[in-house]
């Protein structure tokens, strides 16, 4: 166990032991990103809040299962994913809710017109992301919203590194397809978005990159597709992670204090 991971374990131990300062650090450092991940997976604010609370409480109750061979953030994402899976199983057969999620996006210091245009583009990307199948949505959320390295994404998803890369490439291609009506009519040439994704991850060899560049030089439509996907992935990075509403933070504090008082039954 590395020193960093040992510190992670000590942080959770202090929280479970009732250390208020450690609890506030946990809420500040990890809660906003877990909440954002839950929003993207569940596409519903109330469900995302439940996922966040269940994730933190599960982590505290099952601290002994945190071996420290992964970072705390990676482990928490894995716990959150399990919570979401259990929630979907409980709701099997029920119509899936789709709640338009409000996004408070950074204005980047732009003027009013540019800020409005970028906010509209970012909102379109958020809607397109939420329309993806959940397995693709979670891979893209971990890689392109949370910015996890590919190996950590694989650890969270519990699949091999090659399978993870393939899923990320398919997710990005699906995102580009969702955005196509916004960008241009018609269809680009097959697989251009996936090849572009492979290039971003360093998975395309020199020959494939050269063929792609040659094709883009002659195909304005595919160039627009790649430009759109590049912009969409930048928008993914801009999707906000907080701050959390104070009422939610108070509920989390109360629930965490309950676990600290009685880890087995709280």
C-alpha atoms as a PDB file:
ATOM      1  CA  UNK A   1       0.000   0.000   0.000  1.00  0.00           C
ATOM      2  CA  UNK A   2       1.452   3.352  -1.023  1.00  0.00           C
ATOM      3  CA  UNK A   3       1.703   6.259   1.412  1.00  0.00           C
ATOM      4  CA  UNK A   4      -1.017   8.119  -0.507  1.00  0.00           C
ATOM      5  CA  UNK A   5      -3.379   5.159  -0.283  1.00  0.00           C
ATOM      6  CA  UNK A   6      -2.491   4.713   3.393  1.00  0.00           C
ATOM      7  CA  UNK A   7      -3.478   8.338   3.927  1.00  0.00           C
ATOM      8  CA  UNK A   8      -6.785   7.628   2.131  1.00  0.00           C
ATOM      9  CA  UNK A   9      -7.501   4.741   4.483  1.00  0.00           C
ATOM     10  CA  UNK A  10      -6.599   6.837   7.499  1.00  0.00           C
ATOM     11  CA  UNK A  11      -8.979   9.550   6.313  1.00  0.00           C
ATOM     12  CA  UNK A  12     -11.891   7.095   6.178  1.00  0.00           C
ATOM     13  CA  UNK A  13     -10.878   5.628   9.525  1.00  0.00           C
ATOM     14  CA  UNK A  14     -10.886   9.085  11.104  1.00  0.00           C
ATOM     15  CA  UNK A  15     -14.303   9.820   9.615  1.00  0.00           C
ATOM     16  CA  UNK A  16     -15.684   6.551  10.970  1.00  0.00           C
ATOM     17  CA  UNK A  17     -14.191   7.386  14.349  1.00  0.00           C
ATOM     18  CA  UNK A  18     -16.143  10.635  14.440  1.00  0.00           C
ATOM     19  CA  UNK A  19     -13.420  13.121  13.440  1.00  0.00           C
ATOM     20  CA  UNK A  20     -15.344  16.207  12.249  1.00  0.00           C
ATOM     21  CA  UNK A  21     -12.390  17.718  10.354  1.00  0.00           C
ATOM     22  CA  UNK A  22     -11.868  14.471   8.447  1.00  0.00           C
ATOM     23  CA  UNK A  23     -15.569  14.335   7.619  1.00  0.00           C
ATOM     24  CA  UNK A  24     -15.483  17.853   6.167  1.00  0.00           C
ATOM     25  CA  UNK A  25     -12.402  16.949   4.126  1.00  0.00           C
ATOM     26  CA  UNK A  26     -14.169  13.866   2.761  1.00  0.00           C
ATOM     27  CA  UNK A  27     -17.227  15.931   1.818  1.00  0.00           C
ATOM     28  CA  UNK A  28     -15.153  18.671   0.196  1.00  0.00           C
ATOM     29  CA  UNK A  29     -12.704  16.466  -1.672  1.00  0.00           C
ATOM     30  CA  UNK A  30     -14.849  13.560  -2.866  1.00  0.00           C
ATOM     31  CA  UNK A  31     -18.591  14.214  -2.486  1.00  0.00           C
ATOM     32  CA  UNK A  32     -19.008  16.653  -5.429  1.00  0.00           C
ATOM     33  CA  UNK A  33     -17.426  14.320  -7.987  1.00  0.00           C
ATOM     34  CA  UNK A  34     -19.335  11.262  -6.744  1.00  0.00           C
ATOM     35  CA  UNK A  35     -22.536  13.306  -6.917  1.00  0.00           C
ATOM     36  CA  UNK A  36     -21.734  14.341 -10.503  1.00  0.00           C
ATOM     37  CA  UNK A  37     -21.017  10.718 -11.449  1.00  0.00           C
ATOM     38  CA  UNK A  38     -24.339   9.648  -9.918  1.00  0.00           C
ATOM     39  CA  UNK A  39     -26.175  12.336 -11.871  1.00  0.00           C
ATOM     40  CA  UNK A  40     -24.723  11.139 -15.143  1.00  0.00           C
ATOM     41  CA  UNK A  41     -25.513   7.490 -14.416  1.00  0.00           C
ATOM     42  CA  UNK A  42     -28.984   7.996 -12.951  1.00  0.00           C
ATOM     43  CA  UNK A  43     -30.032  11.082 -14.938  1.00  0.00           C
ATOM     44  CA  UNK A  44     -32.074  12.171 -11.934  1.00  0.00           C
ATOM     45  CA  UNK A  45     -31.072  14.576  -9.159  1.00  0.00           C
ATOM     46  CA  UNK A  46     -32.906  12.834  -6.311  1.00  0.00           C
ATOM     47  CA  UNK A  47     -31.391   9.508  -7.304  1.00  0.00           C
ATOM     48  CA  UNK A  48     -27.928  11.074  -7.542  1.00  0.00           C
ATOM     49  CA  UNK A  49     -28.234  12.349  -3.978  1.00  0.00           C
ATOM     50  CA  UNK A  50     -29.259   8.874  -2.794  1.00  0.00           C
ATOM     51  CA  UNK A  51     -26.308   7.348  -4.650  1.00  0.00           C
ATOM     52  CA  UNK A  52     -23.906   9.815  -3.056  1.00  0.00           C
ATOM     53  CA  UNK A  53     -25.156   9.134   0.461  1.00  0.00           C
ATOM     54  CA  UNK A  54     -25.250   5.352  -0.048  1.00  0.00           C
ATOM     55  CA  UNK A  55     -21.736   5.429  -1.504  1.00  0.00           C
ATOM     56  CA  UNK A  56     -20.194   7.309   1.412  1.00  0.00           C
ATOM     57  CA  UNK A  57     -22.000   5.225   4.021  1.00  0.00           C
ATOM     58  CA  UNK A  58     -21.110   1.964   2.270  1.00  0.00           C
ATOM     59  CA  UNK A  59     -17.477   3.047   2.094  1.00  0.00           C
ATOM     60  CA  UNK A  60     -17.430   3.711   5.837  1.00  0.00           C
ATOM     61  CA  UNK A  61     -19.211   0.490   6.753  1.00  0.00           C
ATOM     62  CA  UNK A  62     -17.005  -1.604   4.453  1.00  0.00           C
ATOM     63  CA  UNK A  63     -13.736   0.161   5.112  1.00  0.00           C
ATOM     64  CA  UNK A  64     -12.048  -3.181   5.746  1.00  0.00           C
ATOM     65  CA  UNK A  65     -12.548  -4.074   2.054  1.00  0.00           C
ATOM     66  CA  UNK A  66     -10.482  -1.046   0.973  1.00  0.00           C
ATOM     67  CA  UNK A  67      -7.134  -2.731   0.417  1.00  0.00           C
ATOM     68  CA  UNK A  68      -5.345   0.386  -0.762  1.00  0.00           C
ATOM     69  CA  UNK A  69      -4.226  -1.043  -4.118  1.00  0.00           C
ATOM     70  CA  UNK A  70      -6.314   1.686  -5.770  1.00  0.00           C
ATOM     71  CA  UNK A  71      -6.860   5.321  -4.911  1.00  0.00           C
ATOM     72  CA  UNK A  72      -9.778   6.266  -2.686  1.00  0.00           C
ATOM     73  CA  UNK A  73     -11.462   8.121  -5.557  1.00  0.00           C
ATOM     74  CA  UNK A  74     -11.263   5.013  -7.778  1.00  0.00           C
ATOM     75  CA  UNK A  75     -12.718   2.860  -4.993  1.00  0.00           C
ATOM     76  CA  UNK A  76     -15.516   5.346  -4.344  1.00  0.00           C
ATOM     77  CA  UNK A  77     -16.426   5.440  -8.035  1.00  0.00           C
ATOM     78  CA  UNK A  78     -16.572   1.641  -8.005  1.00  0.00           C
ATOM     79  CA  UNK A  79     -18.820   1.703  -4.920  1.00  0.00           C
ATOM     80  CA  UNK A  80     -21.036   4.348  -6.548  1.00  0.00           C
ATOM     81  CA  UNK A  81     -21.325   2.236  -9.675  1.00  0.00           C
ATOM     82  CA  UNK A  82     -22.396  -0.778  -7.591  1.00  0.00           C
ATOM     83  CA  UNK A  83     -24.981   1.364  -5.803  1.00  0.00           C
ATOM     84  CA  UNK A  84     -26.362   2.517  -9.166  1.00  0.00           C
ATOM     85  CA  UNK A  85     -26.507  -1.067 -10.439  1.00  0.00           C
ATOM     86  CA  UNK A  86     -28.436  -2.200  -7.373  1.00  0.00           C
ATOM     87  CA  UNK A  87     -30.794   0.723  -7.768  1.00  0.00           C
ATOM     88  CA  UNK A  88     -31.469  -0.143 -11.419  1.00  0.00           C
ATOM     89  CA  UNK A  89     -32.164  -3.770 -10.489  1.00  0.00           C
ATOM     90  CA  UNK A  90     -34.708  -2.651  -7.892  1.00  0.00           C
ATOM     91  CA  UNK A  91     -36.396  -0.516 -10.530  1.00  0.00           C
ATOM     92  CA  UNK A  92     -36.353  -3.223 -13.218  1.00  0.00           C
ATOM     93  CA  UNK A  93     -39.625  -3.158 -15.116  1.00  0.00           C
ATOM     94  CA  UNK A  94     -40.406   0.422 -14.125  1.00  0.00           C
ATOM     95  CA  UNK A  95     -40.215   3.214 -16.717  1.00  0.00           C
ATOM     96  CA  UNK A  96     -36.797   4.860 -16.556  1.00  0.00           C
ATOM     97  CA  UNK A  97     -36.992   8.459 -15.435  1.00  0.00           C
ATOM     98  CA  UNK A  98     -35.264  11.115 -17.484  1.00  0.00           C
ATOM     99  CA  UNK A  99     -35.004  14.405 -15.650  1.00  0.00           C
ATOM    100  CA  UNK A 100     -33.468  17.370 -17.431  1.00  0.00           C
ATOM    101  CA  UNK A 101     -30.530  18.229 -15.194  1.00  0.00           C
ATOM    102  CA  UNK A 102     -29.731  21.890 -14.612  1.00  0.00           C
ATOM    103  CA  UNK A 103     -26.112  22.690 -15.384  1.00  0.00           C
ATOM    104  CA  UNK A 104     -24.288  25.664 -13.849  1.00  0.00           C
ATOM    105  CA  UNK A 105     -21.385  25.955 -16.256  1.00  0.00           C
ATOM    106  CA  UNK A 106     -18.232  28.063 -15.952  1.00  0.00           C
ATOM    107  CA  UNK A 107     -18.455  31.146 -18.173  1.00  0.00           C
ATOM    108  CA  UNK A 108     -14.715  31.061 -18.914  1.00  0.00           C
ATOM    109  CA  UNK A 109     -14.491  34.842 -18.717  1.00  0.00           C
ATOM    110  CA  UNK A 110     -16.334  35.214 -22.032  1.00  0.00           C
ATOM    111  CA  UNK A 111     -18.659  37.959 -23.188  1.00  0.00           C
ATOM    112  CA  UNK A 112     -22.446  37.501 -22.981  1.00  0.00           C
ATOM    113  CA  UNK A 113     -22.966  36.250 -26.560  1.00  0.00           C
ATOM    114  CA  UNK A 114     -20.033  33.855 -26.518  1.00  0.00           C
ATOM    115  CA  UNK A 115     -21.033  32.662 -23.048  1.00  0.00           C
ATOM    116  CA  UNK A 116     -24.608  31.975 -24.198  1.00  0.00           C
ATOM    117  CA  UNK A 117     -23.407  30.072 -27.283  1.00  0.00           C
ATOM    118  CA  UNK A 118     -21.026  27.945 -25.242  1.00  0.00           C
ATOM    119  CA  UNK A 119     -23.639  27.225 -22.586  1.00  0.00           C
ATOM    120  CA  UNK A 120     -26.031  26.086 -25.323  1.00  0.00           C
ATOM    121  CA  UNK A 121     -23.350  23.848 -26.823  1.00  0.00           C
ATOM    122  CA  UNK A 122     -22.478  22.409 -23.419  1.00  0.00           C
ATOM    123  CA  UNK A 123     -26.147  21.764 -22.629  1.00  0.00           C
ATOM    124  CA  UNK A 124     -26.499  19.925 -25.961  1.00  0.00           C
ATOM    125  CA  UNK A 125     -23.498  17.771 -25.041  1.00  0.00           C
ATOM    126  CA  UNK A 126     -24.993  17.021 -21.618  1.00  0.00           C
ATOM    127  CA  UNK A 127     -28.282  15.949 -23.234  1.00  0.00           C
ATOM    128  CA  UNK A 128     -26.443  13.804 -25.779  1.00  0.00           C
ATOM    129  CA  UNK A 129     -24.398  12.188 -23.018  1.00  0.00           C
ATOM    130  CA  UNK A 130     -27.514  11.403 -20.996  1.00  0.00           C
ATOM    131  CA  UNK A 131     -29.068   9.743 -24.055  1.00  0.00           C
ATOM    132  CA  UNK A 132     -26.274   7.135 -24.299  1.00  0.00           C
ATOM    133  CA  UNK A 133     -26.757   3.560 -23.032  1.00  0.00           C
ATOM    134  CA  UNK A 134     -25.610   3.338 -19.438  1.00  0.00           C
ATOM    135  CA  UNK A 135     -22.537   1.165 -20.121  1.00  0.00           C
ATOM    136  CA  UNK A 136     -21.232   3.718 -22.606  1.00  0.00           C
ATOM    137  CA  UNK A 137     -22.320   6.652 -20.475  1.00  0.00           C
ATOM    138  CA  UNK A 138     -20.431   5.472 -17.410  1.00  0.00           C
ATOM    139  CA  UNK A 139     -17.235   4.815 -19.389  1.00  0.00           C
ATOM    140  CA  UNK A 140     -17.338   8.268 -20.936  1.00  0.00           C
ATOM    141  CA  UNK A 141     -18.226   9.865 -17.607  1.00  0.00           C
ATOM    142  CA  UNK A 142     -15.233   8.304 -15.881  1.00  0.00           C
ATOM    143  CA  UNK A 143     -12.758   9.015 -18.680  1.00  0.00           C
ATOM    144  CA  UNK A 144     -13.886  12.355 -20.109  1.00  0.00           C
ATOM    145  CA  UNK A 145     -15.801  14.004 -17.257  1.00  0.00           C
ATOM    146  CA  UNK A 146     -13.907  12.771 -14.209  1.00  0.00           C
ATOM    147  CA  UNK A 147     -10.632  12.510 -16.124  1.00  0.00           C
ATOM    148  CA  UNK A 148      -9.574   9.134 -14.709  1.00  0.00           C
ATOM    149  CA  UNK A 149      -6.665   7.407 -16.442  1.00  0.00           C
ATOM    150  CA  UNK A 150      -7.818   4.497 -18.604  1.00  0.00           C
ATOM    151  CA  UNK A 151      -6.423   1.893 -16.183  1.00  0.00           C
ATOM    152  CA  UNK A 152      -8.430   3.400 -13.317  1.00  0.00           C
ATOM    153  CA  UNK A 153     -11.543   3.397 -15.506  1.00  0.00           C
ATOM    154  CA  UNK A 154     -10.916  -0.311 -16.083  1.00  0.00           C
ATOM    155  CA  UNK A 155     -10.564  -0.847 -12.326  1.00  0.00           C
ATOM    156  CA  UNK A 156     -13.899   0.864 -11.667  1.00  0.00           C
ATOM    157  CA  UNK A 157     -15.707  -1.022 -14.430  1.00  0.00           C
ATOM    158  CA  UNK A 158     -14.105  -4.334 -13.492  1.00  0.00           C
ATOM    159  CA  UNK A 159     -13.126  -5.211 -17.071  1.00  0.00           C
ATOM    160  CA  UNK A 160      -9.844  -5.568 -18.923  1.00  0.00           C
ATOM    161  CA  UNK A 161      -7.855  -2.608 -20.215  1.00  0.00           C
ATOM    162  CA  UNK A 162      -8.468  -3.485 -23.906  1.00  0.00           C
ATOM    163  CA  UNK A 163     -12.205  -3.869 -23.240  1.00  0.00           C
ATOM    164  CA  UNK A 164     -12.235  -0.536 -21.436  1.00  0.00           C
ATOM    165  CA  UNK A 165     -10.519   1.240 -24.316  1.00  0.00           C
ATOM    166  CA  UNK A 166     -12.968  -0.331 -26.770  1.00  0.00           C
ATOM    167  CA  UNK A 167     -15.907   0.838 -24.655  1.00  0.00           C
ATOM    168  CA  UNK A 168     -14.523   4.381 -24.431  1.00  0.00           C
ATOM    169  CA  UNK A 169     -14.060   4.501 -28.206  1.00  0.00           C
ATOM    170  CA  UNK A 170     -17.612   3.226 -28.754  1.00  0.00           C
ATOM    171  CA  UNK A 171     -18.945   5.752 -26.247  1.00  0.00           C
ATOM    172  CA  UNK A 172     -17.252   8.654 -27.999  1.00  0.00           C
ATOM    173  CA  UNK A 173     -18.517   7.454 -31.385  1.00  0.00           C
ATOM    174  CA  UNK A 174     -22.029   7.195 -29.954  1.00  0.00           C
ATOM    175  CA  UNK A 175     -21.733  10.697 -28.505  1.00  0.00           C
ATOM    176  CA  UNK A 176     -20.692  12.014 -31.910  1.00  0.00           C
ATOM    177  CA  UNK A 177     -23.697  10.256 -33.473  1.00  0.00           C
ATOM    178  CA  UNK A 178     -26.026  11.868 -30.920  1.00  0.00           C
ATOM    179  CA  UNK A 179     -24.599  15.288 -31.770  1.00  0.00           C
ATOM    180  CA  UNK A 180     -24.662  14.788 -35.541  1.00  0.00           C
ATOM    181  CA  UNK A 181     -28.097  16.386 -36.092  1.00  0.00           C
ATOM    182  CA  UNK A 182     -26.832  19.454 -34.215  1.00  0.00           C
ATOM    183  CA  UNK A 183     -23.635  19.667 -36.237  1.00  0.00           C
ATOM    184  CA  UNK A 184     -24.549  18.633 -39.766  1.00  0.00           C
ATOM    185  CA  UNK A 185     -27.081  16.681 -41.750  1.00  0.00           C
ATOM    186  CA  UNK A 186     -26.226  13.269 -43.102  1.00  0.00           C
ATOM    187  CA  UNK A 187     -23.719  10.701 -41.936  1.00  0.00           C
ATOM    188  CA  UNK A 188     -19.945  10.886 -41.859  1.00  0.00           C
ATOM    189  CA  UNK A 189     -17.858   8.074 -43.228  1.00  0.00           C
ATOM    190  CA  UNK A 190     -17.911   4.893 -41.124  1.00  0.00           C
ATOM    191  CA  UNK A 191     -15.818   4.749 -37.950  1.00  0.00           C
ATOM    192  CA  UNK A 192     -14.270   8.208 -38.224  1.00  0.00           C
ATOM    193  CA  UNK A 193     -15.277   9.108 -34.657  1.00  0.00           C
ATOM    194  CA  UNK A 194     -13.891   5.831 -33.294  1.00  0.00           C
ATOM    195  CA  UNK A 195     -10.604   6.244 -35.149  1.00  0.00           C
ATOM    196  CA  UNK A 196     -10.374   9.815 -33.850  1.00  0.00           C
ATOM    197  CA  UNK A 197     -10.937   8.490 -30.312  1.00  0.00           C
ATOM    198  CA  UNK A 198      -8.219   5.881 -30.808  1.00  0.00           C
ATOM    199  CA  UNK A 199      -5.850   8.650 -31.853  1.00  0.00           C
ATOM    200  CA  UNK A 200      -6.691  10.650 -28.715  1.00  0.00           C
ATOM    201  CA  UNK A 201      -5.786   7.647 -26.538  1.00  0.00           C
ATOM    202  CA  UNK A 202      -2.623   6.820 -28.473  1.00  0.00           C
ATOM    203  CA  UNK A 203      -4.136   3.561 -29.739  1.00  0.00           C
ATOM    204  CA  UNK A 204      -3.872   4.431 -33.443  1.00  0.00           C
ATOM    205  CA  UNK A 205      -0.559   3.585 -35.094  1.00  0.00           C
ATOM    206  CA  UNK A 206       1.229   5.973 -37.434  1.00  0.00           C
ATOM    207  CA  UNK A 207      -0.220   4.343 -40.544  1.00  0.00           C
ATOM    208  CA  UNK A 208      -3.816   4.640 -39.291  1.00  0.00           C
ATOM    209  CA  UNK A 209      -3.266   8.259 -38.229  1.00  0.00           C
ATOM    210  CA  UNK A 210      -1.827   9.092 -41.648  1.00  0.00           C
ATOM    211  CA  UNK A 211      -4.804   7.517 -43.416  1.00  0.00           C
ATOM    212  CA  UNK A 212      -7.216   9.424 -41.172  1.00  0.00           C
ATOM    213  CA  UNK A 213      -5.471  12.744 -41.785  1.00  0.00           C
ATOM    214  CA  UNK A 214      -5.446  12.101 -45.534  1.00  0.00           C
ATOM    215  CA  UNK A 215      -9.164  11.327 -45.449  1.00  0.00           C
ATOM    216  CA  UNK A 216     -10.010  14.396 -43.360  1.00  0.00           C
ATOM    217  CA  UNK A 217      -8.166  16.615 -45.826  1.00  0.00           C
ATOM    218  CA  UNK A 218     -10.653  15.495 -48.490  1.00  0.00           C
ATOM    219  CA  UNK A 219     -13.838  15.115 -46.436  1.00  0.00           C
ATOM    220  CA  UNK A 220     -15.199  18.302 -44.817  1.00  0.00           C
ATOM    221  CA  UNK A 221     -18.090  16.390 -43.251  1.00  0.00           C
ATOM    222  CA  UNK A 222     -15.807  14.041 -41.324  1.00  0.00           C
ATOM    223  CA  UNK A 223     -13.653  17.029 -40.363  1.00  0.00           C
ATOM    224  CA  UNK A 224     -16.741  18.644 -38.837  1.00  0.00           C
ATOM    225  CA  UNK A 225     -17.514  15.391 -37.018  1.00  0.00           C
ATOM    226  CA  UNK A 226     -14.021  15.251 -35.478  1.00  0.00           C
ATOM    227  CA  UNK A 227     -14.129  18.937 -34.574  1.00  0.00           C
ATOM    228  CA  UNK A 228     -17.549  18.414 -32.969  1.00  0.00           C
ATOM    229  CA  UNK A 229     -16.325  15.417 -30.967  1.00  0.00           C
ATOM    230  CA  UNK A 230     -13.244  17.339 -29.814  1.00  0.00           C
ATOM    231  CA  UNK A 231     -15.480  20.192 -28.651  1.00  0.00           C
ATOM    232  CA  UNK A 232     -17.880  17.748 -26.995  1.00  0.00           C
ATOM    233  CA  UNK A 233     -15.105  16.126 -24.974  1.00  0.00           C
ATOM    234  CA  UNK A 234     -13.940  19.571 -23.840  1.00  0.00           C
ATOM    235  CA  UNK A 235     -17.524  20.295 -22.786  1.00  0.00           C
ATOM    236  CA  UNK A 236     -17.532  17.051 -20.792  1.00  0.00           C
ATOM    237  CA  UNK A 237     -14.590  18.380 -18.783  1.00  0.00           C
ATOM    238  CA  UNK A 238     -16.559  21.554 -18.062  1.00  0.00           C
ATOM    239  CA  UNK A 239     -19.616  19.809 -16.600  1.00  0.00           C
ATOM    240  CA  UNK A 240     -19.719  21.051 -12.999  1.00  0.00           C
ATOM    241  CA  UNK A 241     -19.065  19.023  -9.874  1.00  0.00           C
ATOM    242  CA  UNK A 242     -20.389  21.323  -7.194  1.00  0.00           C
ATOM    243  CA  UNK A 243     -20.682  22.908  -4.775  1.00  0.00           C
ATOM    244  CA  UNK A 244     -23.323  20.709  -3.214  1.00  0.00           C
ATOM    245  CA  UNK A 245     -26.505  22.269  -1.842  1.00  0.00           C
ATOM    246  CA  UNK A 246     -26.105  22.969   1.870  1.00  0.00           C
ATOM    247  CA  UNK A 247     -29.253  20.984   2.695  1.00  0.00           C
ATOM    248  CA  UNK A 248     -27.684  17.928   1.031  1.00  0.00           C
ATOM    249  CA  UNK A 249     -24.417  18.448   2.904  1.00  0.00           C
ATOM    250  CA  UNK A 250     -26.309  18.623   6.203  1.00  0.00           C
ATOM    251  CA  UNK A 251     -28.055  15.325   5.432  1.00  0.00           C
ATOM    252  CA  UNK A 252     -24.712  13.753   4.623  1.00  0.00           C
ATOM    253  CA  UNK A 253     -23.173  15.035   7.855  1.00  0.00           C
ATOM    254  CA  UNK A 254     -26.051  13.598   9.862  1.00  0.00           C
ATOM    255  CA  UNK A 255     -25.882  10.220   8.101  1.00  0.00           C
ATOM    256  CA  UNK A 256     -22.092   9.993   8.464  1.00  0.00           C
ATOM    257  CA  UNK A 257     -22.317  10.860  12.147  1.00  0.00           C
ATOM    258  CA  UNK A 258     -24.835   8.039  12.493  1.00  0.00           C
ATOM    259  CA  UNK A 259     -22.331   5.573  11.018  1.00  0.00           C
ATOM    260  CA  UNK A 260     -19.620   6.939  13.300  1.00  0.00           C
ATOM    261  CA  UNK A 261     -21.882   6.328  16.279  1.00  0.00           C
ATOM    262  CA  UNK A 262     -22.739   2.767  15.202  1.00  0.00           C
ATOM    263  CA  UNK A 263     -21.034   1.515  12.013  1.00  0.00           C
ATOM    264  CA  UNK A 264     -22.963  -1.779  12.024  1.00  0.00           C
ATOM    265  CA  UNK A 265     -26.524  -0.533  12.114  1.00  0.00           C
ATOM    266  CA  UNK A 266     -26.578   3.161  11.113  1.00  0.00           C
END
